[in-house]
Structure formats: C-alpha cells, structure tokens
Amino acid sequence: MTTVNRFFNNPFFLGFEPLERLLERTAKSAGEGYPPYNIEEISDGGIAITLAVAGFAKEDIAVTVEDRELVIKGRHNEADAKTFLHRGIAARQFLRSFVLADGIEVKSAALENGLLRILLERPDIKPQVRVIEIKSGGLT
C-alpha cells in the first residue's frame, strides 16, 4: 500500500478520492525525464513551465487540459523519408503531464528557440467562514 493510500484512508478526509486518483496518476509518470523542464514562479504570482522541445515545430505539439491535468504531447511528423548516416538527435514522441490545483488556469503557450513556455494563472483565494445554522428536529 502506498503512502498516498494510507494518508487518504484517514476518516477525517472526506471527498478526496479524486485528488487521490490524481496523485497516483502523477506518481506513475514522475520518473520520466524527457523532455526536460523548468517550473518557476513569476512576478504576478503565476507559474511558468518551460519545456526544452528542440526540433519540434508548433504543429508537432499539443497542449490540453483534461480533468485538472495539463497534458503536453509532442510527436514528430516524419512525412519525408530521410536516409541518416548518423542519427544523434532524438526524434521521439513525448507526453508530459502536470496536475493543476482547483482554479489554476492556463493563460498562454508559446514556442520560441526550441523552448515551449506555458503560463498559468493562480487564483487569488480569500479565506471564507460560513456559519451553519443548527435546527431542532430531523434533518432536511
């Protein structure tokens, strides 16, 4: 049993099953090292993810958000057959994913000089207090 499963089996964590599934899905892809990437906090409080995707054209890359997961897929279009005397540049496809917290939105994506930069907006969350009225009798 993984640490994540033991943590979420606690009876005080109610309704966190979707988060548990996201964490397990992310743990499976954590060992993949291609393409390399950086994650940085930017001045407006947002997040920037930069992936090194040298050799990929804009048409070779897809950026999607699926069920709170940012998914970046790259696939070379090998339409024209080439005869290589030496092939040292990897032309492999890739899939890189990042789990997004509630409220995180993808602002933009741009490809320049072999770097794909994705900007994310972080919501301004204000703490809330809600008072629950206690009624007499049965629940309705």
N, C-alpha and C. Protein backbone atom coordinates (compact mmCIF):
# COMPACT_ATOMS: atom_id res chain seq x y z
N MET A 1 0.84 -1.18 0.00
CA MET A 1 0.00 0.00 0.00
C MET A 1 0.89 1.24 0.00
N THR A 2 0.59 2.22 -0.86
CA THR A 2 1.40 3.42 -0.96
C THR A 2 1.10 4.39 0.17
N THR A 3 2.00 5.35 0.35
CA THR A 3 1.80 6.38 1.36
C THR A 3 0.55 7.18 1.08
N VAL A 4 0.28 7.45 -0.20
CA VAL A 4 -0.91 8.22 -0.57
C VAL A 4 -2.16 7.49 -0.11
N ASN A 5 -2.24 6.18 -0.37
CA ASN A 5 -3.42 5.42 0.04
C ASN A 5 -3.60 5.44 1.55
N ARG A 6 -2.51 5.28 2.31
CA ARG A 6 -2.61 5.30 3.77
C ARG A 6 -3.07 6.67 4.26
N PHE A 7 -2.61 7.72 3.61
CA PHE A 7 -2.98 9.07 4.02
C PHE A 7 -4.48 9.31 3.80
N PHE A 8 -4.99 8.92 2.64
CA PHE A 8 -6.39 9.20 2.32
C PHE A 8 -7.36 8.20 2.94
N ASN A 9 -6.88 7.14 3.56
CA ASN A 9 -7.77 6.22 4.27
C ASN A 9 -8.19 6.77 5.62
N ASN A 10 -7.64 7.90 6.01
CA ASN A 10 -8.00 8.56 7.25
C ASN A 10 -9.47 8.99 7.18
N PRO A 11 -10.29 8.67 8.18
CA PRO A 11 -11.73 9.01 8.11
C PRO A 11 -12.01 10.51 8.16
N PHE A 12 -11.02 11.35 8.47
CA PHE A 12 -11.24 12.78 8.51
C PHE A 12 -11.14 13.44 7.14
N PHE A 13 -10.67 12.72 6.13
CA PHE A 13 -10.57 13.24 4.78
C PHE A 13 -11.76 12.73 3.96
N LEU A 14 -12.78 13.54 3.85
CA LEU A 14 -14.00 13.15 3.15
C LEU A 14 -14.05 13.80 1.77
N GLY A 15 -14.31 13.01 0.75
CA GLY A 15 -14.46 13.54 -0.61
C GLY A 15 -13.16 13.80 -1.33
N PHE A 16 -12.04 13.26 -0.87
CA PHE A 16 -10.75 13.49 -1.51
C PHE A 16 -10.37 12.38 -2.49
N GLU A 17 -11.29 11.51 -2.84
CA GLU A 17 -10.98 10.41 -3.74
C GLU A 17 -10.45 10.89 -5.09
N PRO A 18 -11.05 11.94 -5.70
CA PRO A 18 -10.49 12.42 -6.98
C PRO A 18 -9.05 12.91 -6.84
N LEU A 19 -8.73 13.57 -5.74
CA LEU A 19 -7.36 14.02 -5.52
C LEU A 19 -6.42 12.83 -5.37
N GLU A 20 -6.87 11.80 -4.70
CA GLU A 20 -6.06 10.59 -4.53
C GLU A 20 -5.74 9.96 -5.89
N ARG A 21 -6.75 9.90 -6.77
CA ARG A 21 -6.52 9.35 -8.11
C ARG A 21 -5.53 10.21 -8.90
N LEU A 22 -5.64 11.54 -8.79
CA LEU A 22 -4.71 12.43 -9.48
C LEU A 22 -3.28 12.23 -8.99
N LEU A 23 -3.10 12.09 -7.68
CA LEU A 23 -1.77 11.88 -7.12
C LEU A 23 -1.18 10.55 -7.59
N GLU A 24 -1.99 9.51 -7.62
CA GLU A 24 -1.50 8.20 -8.08
C GLU A 24 -1.12 8.25 -9.55
N ARG A 25 -1.94 8.94 -10.36
CA ARG A 25 -1.65 9.06 -11.80
C ARG A 25 -0.36 9.84 -12.02
N THR A 26 -0.13 10.88 -11.24
CA THR A 26 1.07 11.67 -11.36
C THR A 26 2.31 10.90 -10.91
N ALA A 27 2.18 10.12 -9.86
CA ALA A 27 3.31 9.33 -9.36
C ALA A 27 3.80 8.34 -10.41
N LYS A 28 2.90 7.83 -11.24
CA LYS A 28 3.29 6.87 -12.27
C LYS A 28 4.19 7.51 -13.32
N SER A 29 3.96 8.80 -13.64
CA SER A 29 4.74 9.45 -14.70
C SER A 29 5.90 10.27 -14.15
N ALA A 30 6.15 10.23 -12.84
CA ALA A 30 7.18 11.08 -12.23
C ALA A 30 8.59 10.70 -12.66
N GLY A 31 8.84 9.45 -13.03
CA GLY A 31 10.18 9.02 -13.38
C GLY A 31 10.62 9.36 -14.79
N GLU A 32 9.72 9.86 -15.61
CA GLU A 32 10.06 10.19 -16.99
C GLU A 32 10.90 11.46 -17.03
N GLY A 33 11.99 11.44 -17.80
CA GLY A 33 12.87 12.59 -17.82
C GLY A 33 12.87 13.39 -19.12
N TYR A 34 12.06 13.00 -20.09
CA TYR A 34 12.08 13.69 -21.38
C TYR A 34 10.70 14.24 -21.70
N PRO A 35 10.60 15.45 -22.13
CA PRO A 35 11.66 16.44 -22.26
C PRO A 35 11.95 17.11 -20.92
N PRO A 36 13.16 17.64 -20.76
CA PRO A 36 13.46 18.35 -19.51
C PRO A 36 12.63 19.62 -19.41
N TYR A 37 12.38 20.07 -18.18
CA TYR A 37 11.52 21.24 -17.99
C TYR A 37 11.93 22.00 -16.73
N ASN A 38 11.51 23.25 -16.67
CA ASN A 38 11.65 24.11 -15.50
C ASN A 38 10.27 24.58 -15.09
N ILE A 39 10.08 24.78 -13.79
CA ILE A 39 8.86 25.39 -13.27
C ILE A 39 9.31 26.56 -12.41
N GLU A 40 8.75 27.73 -12.70
CA GLU A 40 9.15 28.91 -11.93
C GLU A 40 7.94 29.75 -11.55
N GLU A 41 8.08 30.45 -10.44
CA GLU A 41 7.05 31.40 -10.03
C GLU A 41 7.39 32.72 -10.71
N ILE A 42 6.40 33.36 -11.31
CA ILE A 42 6.64 34.63 -11.99
C ILE A 42 6.10 35.78 -11.17
N SER A 43 6.46 36.99 -11.55
CA SER A 43 6.24 38.17 -10.73
C SER A 43 4.78 38.42 -10.36
N ASP A 44 3.85 38.09 -11.22
CA ASP A 44 2.43 38.36 -10.91
C ASP A 44 1.80 37.26 -10.05
N GLY A 45 2.61 36.36 -9.50
CA GLY A 45 2.09 35.28 -8.67
C GLY A 45 1.72 34.05 -9.47
N GLY A 46 1.89 34.11 -10.77
CA GLY A 46 1.57 32.97 -11.62
C GLY A 46 2.71 31.97 -11.66
N ILE A 47 2.57 31.00 -12.55
CA ILE A 47 3.54 29.92 -12.70
C ILE A 47 3.90 29.82 -14.17
N ALA A 48 5.18 29.60 -14.46
CA ALA A 48 5.64 29.38 -15.83
C ALA A 48 6.30 28.01 -15.90
N ILE A 49 5.88 27.22 -16.87
CA ILE A 49 6.51 25.92 -17.14
C ILE A 49 7.22 26.06 -18.48
N THR A 50 8.51 25.73 -18.52
CA THR A 50 9.29 25.80 -19.75
C THR A 50 9.83 24.42 -20.06
N LEU A 51 9.50 23.90 -21.25
CA LEU A 51 9.97 22.59 -21.69
C LEU A 51 10.95 22.76 -22.84
N ALA A 52 12.05 22.01 -22.82
CA ALA A 52 13.03 22.01 -23.89
C ALA A 52 12.56 21.04 -24.97
N VAL A 53 12.06 21.58 -26.08
CA VAL A 53 11.49 20.76 -27.15
C VAL A 53 12.16 21.06 -28.49
N ALA A 54 13.49 21.13 -28.48
CA ALA A 54 14.25 21.42 -29.69
C ALA A 54 13.90 20.43 -30.78
N GLY A 55 13.71 20.95 -31.99
CA GLY A 55 13.41 20.11 -33.14
C GLY A 55 11.92 19.91 -33.38
N PHE A 56 11.09 20.33 -32.45
CA PHE A 56 9.64 20.20 -32.62
C PHE A 56 9.08 21.52 -33.14
N ALA A 57 8.21 21.42 -34.14
CA ALA A 57 7.51 22.59 -34.65
C ALA A 57 6.21 22.77 -33.86
N LYS A 58 5.62 23.94 -33.99
CA LYS A 58 4.37 24.23 -33.29
C LYS A 58 3.30 23.18 -33.62
N GLU A 59 3.29 22.73 -34.88
CA GLU A 59 2.30 21.75 -35.32
C GLU A 59 2.53 20.36 -34.73
N ASP A 60 3.73 20.12 -34.21
CA ASP A 60 4.08 18.81 -33.64
C ASP A 60 3.69 18.69 -32.16
N ILE A 61 3.23 19.79 -31.56
CA ILE A 61 2.97 19.82 -30.12
C ILE A 61 1.51 20.13 -29.85
N ALA A 62 0.93 19.42 -28.88
CA ALA A 62 -0.45 19.69 -28.44
C ALA A 62 -0.42 19.96 -26.94
N VAL A 63 -1.10 21.03 -26.53
CA VAL A 63 -1.23 21.37 -25.12
C VAL A 63 -2.71 21.35 -24.79
N THR A 64 -3.11 20.48 -23.84
CA THR A 64 -4.51 20.36 -23.46
C THR A 64 -4.64 20.31 -21.95
N VAL A 65 -5.84 20.60 -21.48
CA VAL A 65 -6.17 20.43 -20.06
C VAL A 65 -7.30 19.41 -20.02
N GLU A 66 -7.04 18.29 -19.33
CA GLU A 66 -8.01 17.20 -19.21
C GLU A 66 -8.19 16.88 -17.74
N ASP A 67 -9.37 17.15 -17.20
CA ASP A 67 -9.69 16.78 -15.82
C ASP A 67 -8.61 17.28 -14.85
N ARG A 68 -8.36 18.59 -14.85
CA ARG A 68 -7.39 19.24 -13.96
C ARG A 68 -5.96 18.74 -14.16
N GLU A 69 -5.66 18.26 -15.35
CA GLU A 69 -4.31 17.80 -15.67
C GLU A 69 -3.86 18.48 -16.96
N LEU A 70 -2.75 19.22 -16.88
CA LEU A 70 -2.16 19.84 -18.06
C LEU A 70 -1.34 18.77 -18.77
N VAL A 71 -1.66 18.52 -20.03
CA VAL A 71 -1.00 17.46 -20.80
C VAL A 71 -0.33 18.09 -22.02
N ILE A 72 0.97 17.83 -22.16
CA ILE A 72 1.73 18.31 -23.31
C ILE A 72 2.22 17.08 -24.07
N LYS A 73 1.82 16.98 -25.35
CA LYS A 73 2.21 15.85 -26.19
C LYS A 73 3.02 16.36 -27.36
N GLY A 74 4.08 15.66 -27.69
CA GLY A 74 4.89 16.00 -28.85
C GLY A 74 5.08 14.79 -29.73
N ARG A 75 4.90 15.00 -31.03
CA ARG A 75 5.08 13.91 -31.99
C ARG A 75 5.62 14.50 -33.27
N HIS A 76 6.79 14.01 -33.70
CA HIS A 76 7.39 14.49 -34.94
C HIS A 76 6.61 13.98 -36.13
N ASN A 77 6.46 14.83 -37.12
CA ASN A 77 5.82 14.44 -38.36
C ASN A 77 6.92 13.99 -39.32
N GLU A 78 7.08 12.70 -39.47
CA GLU A 78 8.13 12.12 -40.32
C GLU A 78 7.60 11.82 -41.72
N ALA A 79 7.01 12.83 -42.36
CA ALA A 79 6.41 12.63 -43.68
C ALA A 79 7.45 12.34 -44.75
N ASP A 80 8.53 13.09 -44.74
CA ASP A 80 9.55 12.87 -45.76
C ASP A 80 10.61 11.89 -45.26
N ALA A 81 10.79 10.82 -46.00
CA ALA A 81 11.75 9.78 -45.62
C ALA A 81 13.17 10.30 -45.82
N LYS A 82 14.00 10.17 -44.79
CA LYS A 82 15.39 10.63 -44.86
C LYS A 82 16.30 9.44 -44.63
N THR A 83 17.45 9.49 -45.26
CA THR A 83 18.46 8.48 -45.03
C THR A 83 19.55 9.11 -44.16
N PHE A 84 19.66 8.64 -42.93
CA PHE A 84 20.63 9.19 -41.98
C PHE A 84 21.93 8.39 -42.05
N LEU A 85 23.05 9.08 -42.10
CA LEU A 85 24.35 8.44 -41.95
C LEU A 85 24.67 8.29 -40.46
N HIS A 86 24.17 9.21 -39.67
CA HIS A 86 24.25 9.13 -38.21
C HIS A 86 23.04 9.87 -37.65
N ARG A 87 22.37 9.26 -36.69
CA ARG A 87 21.20 9.92 -36.08
C ARG A 87 21.46 10.06 -34.59
N GLY A 88 21.91 11.24 -34.19
CA GLY A 88 22.22 11.51 -32.80
C GLY A 88 21.19 12.39 -32.12
N ILE A 89 20.29 12.98 -32.90
CA ILE A 89 19.24 13.82 -32.34
C ILE A 89 17.99 12.97 -32.20
N ALA A 90 17.52 12.85 -30.97
CA ALA A 90 16.34 12.03 -30.70
C ALA A 90 15.11 12.65 -31.37
N ALA A 91 14.35 11.84 -32.03
CA ALA A 91 13.12 12.30 -32.68
C ALA A 91 11.94 11.54 -32.09
N ARG A 92 12.01 11.31 -30.79
CA ARG A 92 10.96 10.51 -30.16
C ARG A 92 9.80 11.38 -29.72
N GLN A 93 8.67 10.75 -29.62
CA GLN A 93 7.49 11.45 -29.13
C GLN A 93 7.56 11.53 -27.61
N PHE A 94 6.77 12.45 -27.04
CA PHE A 94 6.76 12.57 -25.59
C PHE A 94 5.37 12.92 -25.10
N LEU A 95 5.16 12.68 -23.82
CA LEU A 95 3.94 13.07 -23.13
C LEU A 95 4.38 13.50 -21.73
N ARG A 96 4.09 14.73 -21.39
CA ARG A 96 4.44 15.27 -20.07
C ARG A 96 3.15 15.84 -19.47
N SER A 97 2.87 15.49 -18.22
CA SER A 97 1.63 15.98 -17.60
C SER A 97 1.91 16.58 -16.23
N PHE A 98 1.07 17.54 -15.86
CA PHE A 98 1.15 18.23 -14.58
C PHE A 98 -0.26 18.33 -14.01
N VAL A 99 -0.43 18.00 -12.75
CA VAL A 99 -1.73 18.12 -12.09
C VAL A 99 -1.91 19.56 -11.66
N LEU A 100 -3.07 20.14 -11.98
CA LEU A 100 -3.37 21.52 -11.65
C LEU A 100 -4.31 21.59 -10.45
N ALA A 101 -4.04 22.47 -9.53
CA ALA A 101 -4.93 22.69 -8.40
C ALA A 101 -6.21 23.36 -8.89
N ASP A 102 -7.26 23.28 -8.09
CA ASP A 102 -8.51 23.96 -8.44
C ASP A 102 -8.26 25.44 -8.66
N GLY A 103 -8.80 25.97 -9.73
CA GLY A 103 -8.68 27.39 -10.01
C GLY A 103 -7.50 27.77 -10.87
N ILE A 104 -6.48 26.92 -10.98
CA ILE A 104 -5.32 27.24 -11.83
C ILE A 104 -5.78 27.17 -13.29
N GLU A 105 -5.48 28.22 -14.04
CA GLU A 105 -5.88 28.29 -15.44
C GLU A 105 -4.66 28.47 -16.33
N VAL A 106 -4.69 27.85 -17.50
CA VAL A 106 -3.63 28.06 -18.48
C VAL A 106 -3.91 29.38 -19.19
N LYS A 107 -2.96 30.29 -19.09
CA LYS A 107 -3.11 31.63 -19.67
C LYS A 107 -2.66 31.65 -21.12
N SER A 108 -1.49 31.02 -21.41
CA SER A 108 -0.97 31.02 -22.78
C SER A 108 0.14 29.99 -22.92
N ALA A 109 0.47 29.71 -24.19
CA ALA A 109 1.59 28.82 -24.52
C ALA A 109 2.28 29.40 -25.75
N ALA A 110 3.62 29.41 -25.72
CA ALA A 110 4.38 29.95 -26.85
C ALA A 110 5.63 29.11 -27.06
N LEU A 111 5.99 28.93 -28.33
CA LEU A 111 7.18 28.17 -28.70
C LEU A 111 8.18 29.13 -29.34
N GLU A 112 9.39 29.20 -28.75
CA GLU A 112 10.43 30.08 -29.29
C GLU A 112 11.79 29.49 -28.99
N ASN A 113 12.63 29.40 -30.03
CA ASN A 113 14.01 28.91 -29.90
C ASN A 113 14.09 27.54 -29.23
N GLY A 114 13.16 26.65 -29.55
CA GLY A 114 13.19 25.30 -29.01
C GLY A 114 12.68 25.17 -27.59
N LEU A 115 12.09 26.25 -27.04
CA LEU A 115 11.53 26.21 -25.70
C LEU A 115 10.03 26.48 -25.76
N LEU A 116 9.26 25.59 -25.16
CA LEU A 116 7.81 25.78 -25.05
C LEU A 116 7.54 26.35 -23.67
N ARG A 117 6.97 27.54 -23.62
CA ARG A 117 6.70 28.21 -22.34
C ARG A 117 5.20 28.31 -22.15
N ILE A 118 4.72 27.76 -21.05
CA ILE A 118 3.30 27.76 -20.72
C ILE A 118 3.11 28.59 -19.46
N LEU A 119 2.25 29.60 -19.54
CA LEU A 119 1.97 30.46 -18.40
C LEU A 119 0.65 30.06 -17.75
N LEU A 120 0.68 29.95 -16.43
CA LEU A 120 -0.51 29.58 -15.66
C LEU A 120 -0.88 30.72 -14.72
N GLU A 121 -2.17 30.93 -14.54
CA GLU A 121 -2.66 31.93 -13.59
C GLU A 121 -3.12 31.23 -12.32
N ARG A 122 -2.71 31.80 -11.21
CA ARG A 122 -3.10 31.26 -9.91
C ARG A 122 -4.20 32.16 -9.35
N PRO A 123 -5.31 31.58 -8.91
CA PRO A 123 -6.41 32.42 -8.40
C PRO A 123 -6.03 33.09 -7.08
N ASP A 124 -6.63 34.23 -6.83
CA ASP A 124 -6.44 34.93 -5.56
C ASP A 124 -7.51 34.39 -4.61
N ILE A 125 -7.11 33.49 -3.73
CA ILE A 125 -8.05 32.81 -2.84
C ILE A 125 -8.13 33.57 -1.52
N LYS A 126 -9.36 33.92 -1.16
CA LYS A 126 -9.59 34.60 0.10
C LYS A 126 -10.25 33.61 1.07
N PRO A 127 -9.78 33.57 2.32
CA PRO A 127 -10.38 32.65 3.29
C PRO A 127 -11.84 33.01 3.54
N GLN A 128 -12.66 31.98 3.72
CA GLN A 128 -14.08 32.19 3.96
C GLN A 128 -14.49 31.48 5.24
N VAL A 129 -15.43 32.09 5.95
CA VAL A 129 -16.03 31.47 7.13
C VAL A 129 -17.53 31.45 6.89
N ARG A 130 -18.12 30.30 7.06
CA ARG A 130 -19.56 30.14 6.87
C ARG A 130 -20.14 29.56 8.15
N VAL A 131 -21.14 30.22 8.71
CA VAL A 131 -21.81 29.75 9.92
C VAL A 131 -22.98 28.86 9.51
N ILE A 132 -23.04 27.67 10.09
CA ILE A 132 -24.11 26.71 9.79
C ILE A 132 -25.14 26.79 10.90
N GLU A 133 -26.40 27.04 10.50
CA GLU A 133 -27.48 27.10 11.48
C GLU A 133 -27.80 25.70 12.00
N ILE A 134 -27.99 25.60 13.30
CA ILE A 134 -28.36 24.32 13.92
C ILE A 134 -29.86 24.35 14.14
N LYS A 135 -30.58 23.38 13.56
CA LYS A 135 -32.04 23.31 13.67
C LYS A 135 -32.40 22.24 14.70
N SER A 136 -33.60 22.35 15.21
CA SER A 136 -34.14 21.33 16.10
C SER A 136 -34.90 20.31 15.27
N GLY A 137 -34.87 19.05 15.68
CA GLY A 137 -35.61 18.02 14.97
C GLY A 137 -34.76 17.33 13.94
N GLY A 138 -35.44 16.75 12.93
CA GLY A 138 -34.76 15.95 11.91
C GLY A 138 -34.07 16.80 10.86
N LEU A 139 -33.23 16.15 10.10
CA LEU A 139 -32.51 16.81 9.04
C LEU A 139 -33.36 16.87 7.78
N THR A 140 -33.30 17.98 7.09
CA THR A 140 -34.00 18.09 5.79
C THR A 140 -33.13 18.75 4.78
